[in-house]
Amino acid sequence: MANLYQNRFRIESARATWHDYNGGIYFITICTAHKVCKFGHITNGEIFLNPLGQLISTLLKEVHIHHPYACIPLYVVMPNHIHAIICIDGDCEYLISRKTISAECSSGIEKNMRQIARSKGLLSIVVGGIKSATTAYAHRNNINFVWQTRFHDHLIRNQEECNRISDYIEHNPLYWANDCFYQSGL
């Protein structure tokens, strides 16, 4: 049954109730609203990012600057969505054994971030920061841009799963025409 908030129906959270999202390794997908291609295009399996796509790539590479408890060792910016592996307040050491991922992801959380994380979860804070910075850039540069309201996350549980997800991220541009997010001519 849907909960009412200020006399309006709310959608229940898609997050797992048994996990606090303040630590772990996640596979996330973030889409543009209506899956409209806003980040560039793919030709012959190669990604060509426009300035908005390049900004997102930079934000993902430098996530540890604004969120010292997080790192993103692998990601891909597609024309209308992002796939990434995000490590939160932990050690991505077992990911480093994979040749394609080379990042050191260990850190502690500052005291004030722990208080915020109790109510929201650090994963949501990282994703929200990326989405917010992208939207602000789009508005400053008069780019008509909107994110989908939510994002998909999956807790990575073991090395085999990590390898499978990493392969998917790395090869995603090659299979763009068959991707469930594919939008031709946009």
N, C-alpha and C. Protein backbone atom coordinates (compact mmCIF):
# COMPACT_ATOMS: atom_id res chain seq x y z
N MET A 1 0.85 -1.18 0.00
CA MET A 1 0.00 0.00 0.00
C MET A 1 0.89 1.24 0.00
N ALA A 2 0.56 2.21 -0.81
CA ALA A 2 1.36 3.42 -0.93
C ALA A 2 1.15 4.32 0.29
N ASN A 3 2.19 4.95 0.73
CA ASN A 3 2.12 5.89 1.84
C ASN A 3 1.75 7.27 1.33
N LEU A 4 1.05 8.02 2.16
CA LEU A 4 0.73 9.39 1.82
C LEU A 4 1.73 10.31 2.51
N TYR A 5 2.19 11.31 1.78
CA TYR A 5 3.06 12.34 2.34
C TYR A 5 2.48 13.66 1.88
N GLN A 6 2.10 14.51 2.80
CA GLN A 6 1.44 15.78 2.50
C GLN A 6 0.26 15.56 1.57
N ASN A 7 -0.56 14.55 1.89
CA ASN A 7 -1.76 14.18 1.14
C ASN A 7 -1.49 13.77 -0.31
N ARG A 8 -0.29 13.31 -0.59
CA ARG A 8 0.05 12.83 -1.93
C ARG A 8 0.63 11.43 -1.80
N PHE A 9 0.36 10.60 -2.80
CA PHE A 9 0.92 9.26 -2.79
C PHE A 9 2.41 9.32 -3.08
N ARG A 10 3.15 8.45 -2.42
CA ARG A 10 4.59 8.35 -2.62
C ARG A 10 4.92 6.98 -3.15
N ILE A 11 5.98 6.92 -3.89
CA ILE A 11 6.49 5.65 -4.36
C ILE A 11 7.43 5.13 -3.29
N GLU A 12 7.27 3.87 -2.92
CA GLU A 12 8.16 3.26 -1.94
C GLU A 12 9.59 3.23 -2.49
N SER A 13 10.55 3.28 -1.62
CA SER A 13 11.95 3.23 -2.01
C SER A 13 12.27 1.89 -2.66
N ALA A 14 13.10 1.94 -3.69
CA ALA A 14 13.55 0.72 -4.36
C ALA A 14 14.77 0.13 -3.64
N ARG A 15 15.30 0.81 -2.64
CA ARG A 15 16.47 0.36 -1.94
C ARG A 15 16.15 -0.81 -1.02
N ALA A 16 17.12 -1.69 -0.84
CA ALA A 16 16.95 -2.84 0.04
C ALA A 16 16.84 -2.36 1.49
N THR A 17 15.83 -2.82 2.18
CA THR A 17 15.63 -2.39 3.58
C THR A 17 16.66 -3.02 4.51
N TRP A 18 17.29 -4.12 4.12
CA TRP A 18 18.25 -4.83 4.96
C TRP A 18 19.67 -4.28 4.82
N HIS A 19 19.88 -3.26 3.98
CA HIS A 19 21.22 -2.72 3.73
C HIS A 19 21.19 -1.20 3.87
N ASP A 20 22.23 -0.61 4.48
CA ASP A 20 22.20 0.84 4.72
C ASP A 20 22.89 1.68 3.65
N TYR A 21 23.54 1.07 2.66
CA TYR A 21 24.18 1.78 1.54
C TYR A 21 25.29 2.73 1.98
N ASN A 22 25.88 2.47 3.13
CA ASN A 22 27.00 3.27 3.62
C ASN A 22 28.32 2.55 3.44
N GLY A 23 28.32 1.46 2.77
CA GLY A 23 29.52 0.71 2.48
C GLY A 23 29.19 -0.35 1.46
N GLY A 24 30.19 -0.76 0.71
CA GLY A 24 29.97 -1.81 -0.27
C GLY A 24 30.42 -1.40 -1.65
N ILE A 25 30.27 -2.34 -2.57
CA ILE A 25 30.64 -2.11 -3.97
C ILE A 25 29.37 -2.31 -4.79
N TYR A 26 29.03 -1.31 -5.60
CA TYR A 26 27.76 -1.28 -6.30
C TYR A 26 27.94 -1.12 -7.81
N PHE A 27 27.03 -1.73 -8.55
CA PHE A 27 26.89 -1.46 -9.98
C PHE A 27 25.67 -0.56 -10.09
N ILE A 28 25.86 0.63 -10.66
CA ILE A 28 24.74 1.56 -10.78
C ILE A 28 24.50 1.93 -12.23
N THR A 29 23.25 2.27 -12.51
CA THR A 29 22.85 2.80 -13.82
C THR A 29 22.02 4.04 -13.56
N ILE A 30 22.36 5.13 -14.22
CA ILE A 30 21.61 6.38 -14.13
C ILE A 30 21.21 6.76 -15.55
N CYS A 31 19.93 7.05 -15.76
CA CYS A 31 19.42 7.37 -17.11
C CYS A 31 18.95 8.82 -17.19
N THR A 32 18.94 9.32 -18.41
CA THR A 32 18.31 10.61 -18.68
C THR A 32 16.80 10.41 -18.66
N ALA A 33 16.05 11.48 -18.46
CA ALA A 33 14.59 11.40 -18.51
C ALA A 33 14.17 10.94 -19.90
N HIS A 34 13.26 10.01 -19.95
CA HIS A 34 12.72 9.47 -21.20
C HIS A 34 13.79 8.86 -22.10
N LYS A 35 14.95 8.59 -21.53
CA LYS A 35 16.08 7.97 -22.26
C LYS A 35 16.49 8.77 -23.51
N VAL A 36 16.37 10.08 -23.41
CA VAL A 36 16.78 10.96 -24.51
C VAL A 36 18.31 11.03 -24.53
N CYS A 37 18.90 10.89 -25.71
CA CYS A 37 20.37 10.93 -25.85
C CYS A 37 20.86 12.36 -25.69
N LYS A 38 21.62 12.60 -24.63
CA LYS A 38 22.10 13.94 -24.31
C LYS A 38 23.62 14.00 -24.11
N PHE A 39 24.31 12.85 -24.10
CA PHE A 39 25.72 12.84 -23.74
C PHE A 39 26.66 12.63 -24.93
N GLY A 40 26.13 12.39 -26.11
CA GLY A 40 26.97 12.16 -27.29
C GLY A 40 26.35 11.08 -28.15
N HIS A 41 27.20 10.41 -28.94
CA HIS A 41 26.71 9.34 -29.81
C HIS A 41 27.75 8.23 -29.92
N ILE A 42 27.32 7.11 -30.46
CA ILE A 42 28.21 5.97 -30.68
C ILE A 42 28.22 5.65 -32.16
N THR A 43 29.43 5.55 -32.71
CA THR A 43 29.61 5.16 -34.10
C THR A 43 30.61 4.03 -34.15
N ASN A 44 30.22 2.93 -34.79
CA ASN A 44 31.09 1.75 -34.90
C ASN A 44 31.66 1.31 -33.55
N GLY A 45 30.83 1.33 -32.53
CA GLY A 45 31.24 0.87 -31.22
C GLY A 45 32.12 1.84 -30.44
N GLU A 46 32.32 3.04 -30.96
CA GLU A 46 33.15 4.04 -30.28
C GLU A 46 32.28 5.19 -29.78
N ILE A 47 32.53 5.61 -28.55
CA ILE A 47 31.75 6.68 -27.92
C ILE A 47 32.37 8.04 -28.27
N PHE A 48 31.51 8.95 -28.70
CA PHE A 48 31.92 10.34 -28.95
C PHE A 48 31.08 11.21 -28.03
N LEU A 49 31.71 11.68 -26.94
CA LEU A 49 30.99 12.46 -25.94
C LEU A 49 30.95 13.93 -26.33
N ASN A 50 29.80 14.56 -26.11
CA ASN A 50 29.67 16.00 -26.26
C ASN A 50 30.13 16.65 -24.95
N PRO A 51 30.10 17.99 -24.84
CA PRO A 51 30.57 18.62 -23.59
C PRO A 51 29.86 18.14 -22.32
N LEU A 52 28.55 17.85 -22.41
CA LEU A 52 27.84 17.36 -21.23
C LEU A 52 28.34 15.96 -20.86
N GLY A 53 28.54 15.11 -21.85
CA GLY A 53 29.08 13.77 -21.61
C GLY A 53 30.49 13.82 -21.07
N GLN A 54 31.30 14.76 -21.57
CA GLN A 54 32.67 14.92 -21.08
C GLN A 54 32.68 15.37 -19.63
N LEU A 55 31.75 16.26 -19.27
CA LEU A 55 31.64 16.70 -17.88
C LEU A 55 31.33 15.51 -16.97
N ILE A 56 30.39 14.67 -17.37
CA ILE A 56 30.02 13.51 -16.56
C ILE A 56 31.22 12.59 -16.40
N SER A 57 31.97 12.38 -17.49
CA SER A 57 33.17 11.54 -17.41
C SER A 57 34.15 12.10 -16.38
N THR A 58 34.35 13.40 -16.39
CA THR A 58 35.24 14.05 -15.43
C THR A 58 34.71 13.90 -14.00
N LEU A 59 33.41 14.11 -13.82
CA LEU A 59 32.81 13.96 -12.47
C LEU A 59 33.01 12.55 -11.93
N LEU A 60 32.86 11.55 -12.80
CA LEU A 60 33.03 10.17 -12.37
C LEU A 60 34.49 9.87 -12.02
N LYS A 61 35.42 10.39 -12.83
CA LYS A 61 36.85 10.19 -12.56
C LYS A 61 37.27 10.84 -11.25
N GLU A 62 36.69 11.99 -10.96
CA GLU A 62 37.12 12.80 -9.81
C GLU A 62 36.16 12.73 -8.63
N VAL A 63 35.32 11.71 -8.56
CA VAL A 63 34.32 11.62 -7.49
C VAL A 63 34.96 11.66 -6.11
N HIS A 64 36.16 11.12 -5.97
CA HIS A 64 36.84 11.08 -4.66
C HIS A 64 37.20 12.47 -4.13
N ILE A 65 37.25 13.47 -5.00
CA ILE A 65 37.57 14.84 -4.56
C ILE A 65 36.45 15.40 -3.69
N HIS A 66 35.20 15.20 -4.13
CA HIS A 66 34.04 15.71 -3.39
C HIS A 66 33.49 14.69 -2.40
N HIS A 67 33.78 13.43 -2.64
CA HIS A 67 33.28 12.35 -1.78
C HIS A 67 34.47 11.44 -1.45
N PRO A 68 35.27 11.81 -0.45
CA PRO A 68 36.51 11.06 -0.17
C PRO A 68 36.29 9.62 0.27
N TYR A 69 35.08 9.25 0.60
CA TYR A 69 34.74 7.90 1.01
C TYR A 69 34.33 7.02 -0.18
N ALA A 70 34.42 7.59 -1.41
CA ALA A 70 33.95 6.86 -2.60
C ALA A 70 35.00 6.86 -3.70
N CYS A 71 34.96 5.83 -4.53
CA CYS A 71 35.76 5.82 -5.75
C CYS A 71 34.99 5.07 -6.82
N ILE A 72 35.29 5.39 -8.06
CA ILE A 72 34.65 4.75 -9.20
C ILE A 72 35.76 4.20 -10.08
N PRO A 73 36.08 2.91 -9.92
CA PRO A 73 37.18 2.33 -10.68
C PRO A 73 36.84 2.01 -12.13
N LEU A 74 35.56 1.91 -12.47
CA LEU A 74 35.17 1.59 -13.85
C LEU A 74 33.81 2.19 -14.14
N TYR A 75 33.69 2.82 -15.32
CA TYR A 75 32.41 3.41 -15.73
C TYR A 75 32.38 3.53 -17.25
N VAL A 76 31.19 3.77 -17.77
CA VAL A 76 31.01 4.13 -19.17
C VAL A 76 29.88 5.15 -19.24
N VAL A 77 30.11 6.20 -20.02
CA VAL A 77 29.07 7.18 -20.30
C VAL A 77 28.52 6.85 -21.67
N MET A 78 27.28 6.45 -21.72
CA MET A 78 26.59 6.12 -22.96
C MET A 78 25.78 7.34 -23.40
N PRO A 79 25.19 7.33 -24.59
CA PRO A 79 24.45 8.51 -25.05
C PRO A 79 23.31 8.97 -24.13
N ASN A 80 22.67 8.03 -23.42
CA ASN A 80 21.54 8.43 -22.57
C ASN A 80 21.56 7.81 -21.17
N HIS A 81 22.67 7.20 -20.81
CA HIS A 81 22.78 6.63 -19.47
C HIS A 81 24.24 6.42 -19.09
N ILE A 82 24.43 6.11 -17.81
CA ILE A 82 25.76 5.86 -17.26
C ILE A 82 25.71 4.51 -16.55
N HIS A 83 26.77 3.74 -16.72
CA HIS A 83 26.98 2.54 -15.90
C HIS A 83 28.27 2.78 -15.13
N ALA A 84 28.30 2.40 -13.86
CA ALA A 84 29.52 2.57 -13.07
C ALA A 84 29.57 1.56 -11.94
N ILE A 85 30.78 1.25 -11.54
CA ILE A 85 31.02 0.51 -10.31
C ILE A 85 31.48 1.54 -9.29
N ILE A 86 30.76 1.61 -8.18
CA ILE A 86 31.07 2.59 -7.14
C ILE A 86 31.42 1.84 -5.86
N CYS A 87 32.58 2.18 -5.29
CA CYS A 87 33.01 1.62 -4.00
C CYS A 87 32.76 2.68 -2.94
N ILE A 88 32.05 2.30 -1.90
CA ILE A 88 31.72 3.22 -0.81
C ILE A 88 32.39 2.76 0.47
N ASP A 89 33.17 3.67 1.08
CA ASP A 89 33.80 3.48 2.38
C ASP A 89 34.37 2.08 2.57
N GLY A 90 35.14 1.69 1.61
CA GLY A 90 35.69 0.36 1.73
C GLY A 90 36.96 0.22 0.94
N ASP A 91 37.25 -0.98 0.64
CA ASP A 91 38.48 -1.29 -0.06
C ASP A 91 38.11 -2.05 -1.33
N CYS A 92 38.49 -1.52 -2.46
CA CYS A 92 38.21 -2.17 -3.74
C CYS A 92 39.37 -3.07 -4.14
N GLU A 93 40.15 -3.49 -3.18
CA GLU A 93 41.36 -4.24 -3.49
C GLU A 93 41.08 -5.48 -4.33
N TYR A 94 39.99 -6.19 -4.04
CA TYR A 94 39.75 -7.40 -4.82
C TYR A 94 39.35 -7.08 -6.25
N LEU A 95 38.92 -5.85 -6.50
CA LEU A 95 38.63 -5.43 -7.87
C LEU A 95 39.91 -5.15 -8.65
N ILE A 96 40.96 -4.75 -7.94
CA ILE A 96 42.19 -4.33 -8.60
C ILE A 96 42.86 -5.49 -9.33
N SER A 97 42.58 -6.71 -8.91
CA SER A 97 43.18 -7.86 -9.57
C SER A 97 42.74 -7.94 -11.03
N ARG A 98 41.64 -7.33 -11.36
CA ARG A 98 41.17 -7.30 -12.73
C ARG A 98 42.00 -6.26 -13.49
N LYS A 99 42.54 -6.60 -14.63
CA LYS A 99 43.45 -5.73 -15.38
C LYS A 99 42.81 -4.39 -15.75
N THR A 100 41.53 -4.37 -16.03
CA THR A 100 40.88 -3.16 -16.50
C THR A 100 40.60 -2.16 -15.40
N ILE A 101 40.61 -2.60 -14.16
CA ILE A 101 40.30 -1.68 -13.06
C ILE A 101 41.57 -1.43 -12.26
N SER A 102 41.98 -0.18 -12.24
CA SER A 102 43.17 0.15 -11.45
C SER A 102 42.89 1.38 -10.61
N ALA A 103 42.34 1.15 -9.44
CA ALA A 103 42.05 2.25 -8.53
C ALA A 103 42.26 1.78 -7.11
N GLU A 104 42.72 2.65 -6.28
CA GLU A 104 42.83 2.34 -4.86
C GLU A 104 41.69 3.04 -4.18
N CYS A 105 40.82 2.26 -3.60
CA CYS A 105 39.58 2.80 -3.04
C CYS A 105 39.47 2.47 -1.56
N SER A 106 40.30 3.03 -0.77
CA SER A 106 40.10 2.82 0.65
C SER A 106 40.13 4.17 1.35
N SER A 107 39.22 4.35 2.28
CA SER A 107 39.15 5.61 3.01
C SER A 107 38.23 5.44 4.21
N GLY A 108 38.20 6.44 5.04
CA GLY A 108 37.26 6.47 6.15
C GLY A 108 36.27 7.58 5.91
N ILE A 109 35.16 7.54 6.62
CA ILE A 109 34.14 8.56 6.47
C ILE A 109 34.32 9.59 7.56
N GLU A 110 34.24 10.86 7.17
CA GLU A 110 34.31 11.92 8.16
C GLU A 110 33.07 11.87 9.04
N LYS A 111 33.19 12.41 10.24
CA LYS A 111 32.12 12.33 11.23
C LYS A 111 30.81 12.95 10.72
N ASN A 112 30.88 14.14 10.10
CA ASN A 112 29.65 14.78 9.64
C ASN A 112 28.98 14.00 8.51
N MET A 113 29.77 13.30 7.68
CA MET A 113 29.19 12.50 6.61
C MET A 113 28.49 11.27 7.19
N ARG A 114 28.97 10.74 8.31
CA ARG A 114 28.30 9.60 8.93
C ARG A 114 26.88 9.99 9.37
N GLN A 115 26.73 11.21 9.88
CA GLN A 115 25.41 11.65 10.33
C GLN A 115 24.45 11.79 9.15
N ILE A 116 24.91 12.35 8.04
CA ILE A 116 24.08 12.47 6.85
C ILE A 116 23.75 11.08 6.31
N ALA A 117 24.74 10.21 6.28
CA ALA A 117 24.58 8.87 5.73
C ALA A 117 23.54 8.04 6.47
N ARG A 118 23.38 8.28 7.76
CA ARG A 118 22.40 7.50 8.53
C ARG A 118 21.00 7.64 7.95
N SER A 119 20.68 8.81 7.43
CA SER A 119 19.33 9.02 6.91
C SER A 119 19.22 8.77 5.41
N LYS A 120 20.29 8.94 4.67
CA LYS A 120 20.18 8.89 3.21
C LYS A 120 20.97 7.75 2.59
N GLY A 121 22.11 7.42 3.11
CA GLY A 121 22.97 6.41 2.50
C GLY A 121 24.01 7.09 1.61
N LEU A 122 25.26 6.71 1.80
CA LEU A 122 26.34 7.36 1.05
C LEU A 122 26.24 7.15 -0.46
N LEU A 123 25.73 6.01 -0.88
CA LEU A 123 25.57 5.78 -2.32
C LEU A 123 24.65 6.82 -2.93
N SER A 124 23.53 7.09 -2.29
CA SER A 124 22.59 8.11 -2.78
C SER A 124 23.21 9.50 -2.78
N ILE A 125 24.06 9.78 -1.82
CA ILE A 125 24.73 11.08 -1.76
C ILE A 125 25.67 11.24 -2.94
N VAL A 126 26.43 10.20 -3.27
CA VAL A 126 27.36 10.25 -4.40
C VAL A 126 26.59 10.43 -5.70
N VAL A 127 25.58 9.60 -5.93
CA VAL A 127 24.80 9.69 -7.16
C VAL A 127 24.09 11.04 -7.25
N GLY A 128 23.53 11.49 -6.15
CA GLY A 128 22.88 12.81 -6.13
C GLY A 128 23.84 13.94 -6.46
N GLY A 129 25.08 13.84 -5.98
CA GLY A 129 26.08 14.86 -6.29
C GLY A 129 26.42 14.90 -7.77
N ILE A 130 26.55 13.73 -8.38
CA ILE A 130 26.84 13.66 -9.83
C ILE A 130 25.67 14.23 -10.62
N LYS A 131 24.47 13.84 -10.24
CA LYS A 131 23.28 14.33 -10.96
C LYS A 131 23.12 15.84 -10.78
N SER A 132 23.34 16.32 -9.57
CA SER A 132 23.19 17.75 -9.29
C SER A 132 24.21 18.59 -10.06
N ALA A 133 25.47 18.15 -10.06
CA ALA A 133 26.52 18.90 -10.77
C ALA A 133 26.25 18.93 -12.28
N THR A 134 25.77 17.83 -12.81
CA THR A 134 25.45 17.77 -14.24
C THR A 134 24.30 18.72 -14.58
N THR A 135 23.26 18.69 -13.77
CA THR A 135 22.10 19.55 -14.00
C THR A 135 22.49 21.03 -13.89
N ALA A 136 23.31 21.38 -12.91
CA ALA A 136 23.75 22.77 -12.75
C ALA A 136 24.54 23.22 -13.98
N TYR A 137 25.44 22.37 -14.47
CA TYR A 137 26.21 22.69 -15.68
C TYR A 137 25.28 22.90 -16.87
N ALA A 138 24.30 22.02 -17.02
CA ALA A 138 23.35 22.13 -18.14
C ALA A 138 22.59 23.45 -18.06
N HIS A 139 22.13 23.82 -16.89
CA HIS A 139 21.39 25.08 -16.73
C HIS A 139 22.27 26.29 -17.02
N ARG A 140 23.51 26.27 -16.53
CA ARG A 140 24.43 27.39 -16.79
C ARG A 140 24.72 27.56 -18.26
N ASN A 141 24.68 26.45 -19.02
CA ASN A 141 25.02 26.49 -20.43
C ASN A 141 23.80 26.36 -21.35
N ASN A 142 22.62 26.63 -20.80
CA ASN A 142 21.37 26.60 -21.56
C ASN A 142 21.16 25.31 -22.34
N ILE A 143 21.47 24.19 -21.70
CA ILE A 143 21.25 22.88 -22.29
C ILE A 143 19.97 22.31 -21.68
N ASN A 144 19.03 21.94 -22.53
CA ASN A 144 17.78 21.35 -22.06
C ASN A 144 18.08 19.92 -21.60
N PHE A 145 18.10 19.71 -20.29
CA PHE A 145 18.52 18.42 -19.76
C PHE A 145 17.78 18.09 -18.48
N VAL A 146 17.35 16.82 -18.36
CA VAL A 146 16.69 16.33 -17.14
C VAL A 146 17.10 14.87 -16.93
N TRP A 147 17.41 14.52 -15.68
CA TRP A 147 17.69 13.13 -15.32
C TRP A 147 16.39 12.39 -15.04
N GLN A 148 16.41 11.08 -15.16
CA GLN A 148 15.35 10.24 -14.63
C GLN A 148 15.40 10.40 -13.12
N THR A 149 14.26 10.32 -12.44
CA THR A 149 14.23 10.64 -11.01
C THR A 149 14.99 9.66 -10.13
N ARG A 150 15.09 8.42 -10.51
CA ARG A 150 15.75 7.42 -9.68
C ARG A 150 16.99 6.88 -10.38
N PHE A 151 17.66 5.95 -9.73
CA PHE A 151 18.77 5.24 -10.35
C PHE A 151 18.69 3.78 -9.93
N HIS A 152 19.29 2.92 -10.72
CA HIS A 152 19.30 1.49 -10.40
C HIS A 152 20.62 1.15 -9.72
N ASP A 153 20.56 0.36 -8.66
CA ASP A 153 21.79 -0.10 -8.02
C ASP A 153 21.72 -1.60 -7.78
N HIS A 154 22.89 -2.20 -7.76
CA HIS A 154 23.02 -3.63 -7.47
C HIS A 154 24.27 -3.81 -6.62
N LEU A 155 24.13 -4.42 -5.47
CA LEU A 155 25.26 -4.69 -4.59
C LEU A 155 26.08 -5.83 -5.17
N ILE A 156 27.35 -5.58 -5.48
CA ILE A 156 28.23 -6.60 -6.03
C ILE A 156 28.71 -7.47 -4.87
N ARG A 157 28.48 -8.79 -4.98
CA ARG A 157 28.72 -9.68 -3.86
C ARG A 157 30.01 -10.49 -3.94
N ASN A 158 30.58 -10.66 -5.16
CA ASN A 158 31.78 -11.48 -5.27
C ASN A 158 32.56 -11.14 -6.53
N GLN A 159 33.75 -11.73 -6.66
CA GLN A 159 34.64 -11.45 -7.79
C GLN A 159 34.03 -11.86 -9.12
N GLU A 160 33.37 -13.01 -9.17
CA GLU A 160 32.76 -13.49 -10.42
C GLU A 160 31.72 -12.49 -10.93
N GLU A 161 30.89 -12.01 -10.02
CA GLU A 161 29.87 -11.03 -10.37
C GLU A 161 30.53 -9.73 -10.83
N CYS A 162 31.57 -9.32 -10.14
CA CYS A 162 32.30 -8.10 -10.51
C CYS A 162 32.88 -8.24 -11.92
N ASN A 163 33.47 -9.39 -12.23
CA ASN A 163 34.04 -9.60 -13.56
C ASN A 163 32.97 -9.55 -14.64
N ARG A 164 31.83 -10.17 -14.38
CA ARG A 164 30.74 -10.15 -15.36
C ARG A 164 30.24 -8.73 -15.60
N ILE A 165 30.06 -7.98 -14.54
CA ILE A 165 29.59 -6.59 -14.65
C ILE A 165 30.64 -5.73 -15.34
N SER A 166 31.90 -5.93 -15.01
CA SER A 166 32.98 -5.18 -15.65
C SER A 166 33.00 -5.42 -17.15
N ASP A 167 32.85 -6.68 -17.57
CA ASP A 167 32.79 -7.00 -19.00
C ASP A 167 31.62 -6.28 -19.65
N TYR A 168 30.48 -6.28 -18.99
CA TYR A 168 29.30 -5.60 -19.52
C TYR A 168 29.57 -4.10 -19.71
N ILE A 169 30.15 -3.46 -18.70
CA ILE A 169 30.46 -2.02 -18.79
C ILE A 169 31.43 -1.76 -19.94
N GLU A 170 32.50 -2.54 -20.01
CA GLU A 170 33.53 -2.32 -21.03
C GLU A 170 33.01 -2.52 -22.45
N HIS A 171 32.10 -3.47 -22.63
CA HIS A 171 31.64 -3.80 -23.98
C HIS A 171 30.31 -3.14 -24.34
N ASN A 172 29.74 -2.38 -23.45
CA ASN A 172 28.44 -1.76 -23.68
C ASN A 172 28.37 -0.95 -24.97
N PRO A 173 29.38 -0.14 -25.30
CA PRO A 173 29.31 0.63 -26.55
C PRO A 173 29.25 -0.25 -27.82
N LEU A 174 29.87 -1.42 -27.77
CA LEU A 174 29.88 -2.31 -28.94
C LEU A 174 28.48 -2.84 -29.26
N TYR A 175 27.64 -2.94 -28.25
CA TYR A 175 26.31 -3.51 -28.42
C TYR A 175 25.20 -2.47 -28.29
N TRP A 176 25.53 -1.22 -28.55
CA TRP A 176 24.60 -0.12 -28.36
C TRP A 176 23.28 -0.33 -29.11
N ALA A 177 23.32 -0.76 -30.35
CA ALA A 177 22.09 -0.92 -31.13
C ALA A 177 21.15 -1.97 -30.53
N ASN A 178 21.68 -2.88 -29.72
CA ASN A 178 20.85 -3.91 -29.08
C ASN A 178 20.58 -3.62 -27.61
N ASP A 179 21.05 -2.47 -27.12
CA ASP A 179 20.91 -2.10 -25.71
C ASP A 179 19.45 -1.76 -25.39
N CYS A 180 18.99 -2.12 -24.21
CA CYS A 180 17.62 -1.80 -23.82
C CYS A 180 17.40 -0.29 -23.68
N PHE A 181 18.46 0.49 -23.57
CA PHE A 181 18.36 1.94 -23.46
C PHE A 181 18.50 2.64 -24.81
N TYR A 182 18.71 1.87 -25.88
CA TYR A 182 18.98 2.42 -27.22
C TYR A 182 17.82 3.27 -27.71
N GLN A 183 18.14 4.45 -28.22
CA GLN A 183 17.19 5.34 -28.84
C GLN A 183 17.82 5.80 -30.17
N SER A 184 17.28 5.40 -31.28
CA SER A 184 17.87 5.81 -32.55
C SER A 184 17.34 7.17 -32.97
N GLY A 185 18.20 7.91 -33.63
CA GLY A 185 17.81 9.18 -34.19
C GLY A 185 17.56 10.30 -33.20
N LEU A 186 17.91 10.12 -31.95
CA LEU A 186 17.70 11.18 -30.96
C LEU A 186 19.00 11.89 -30.64
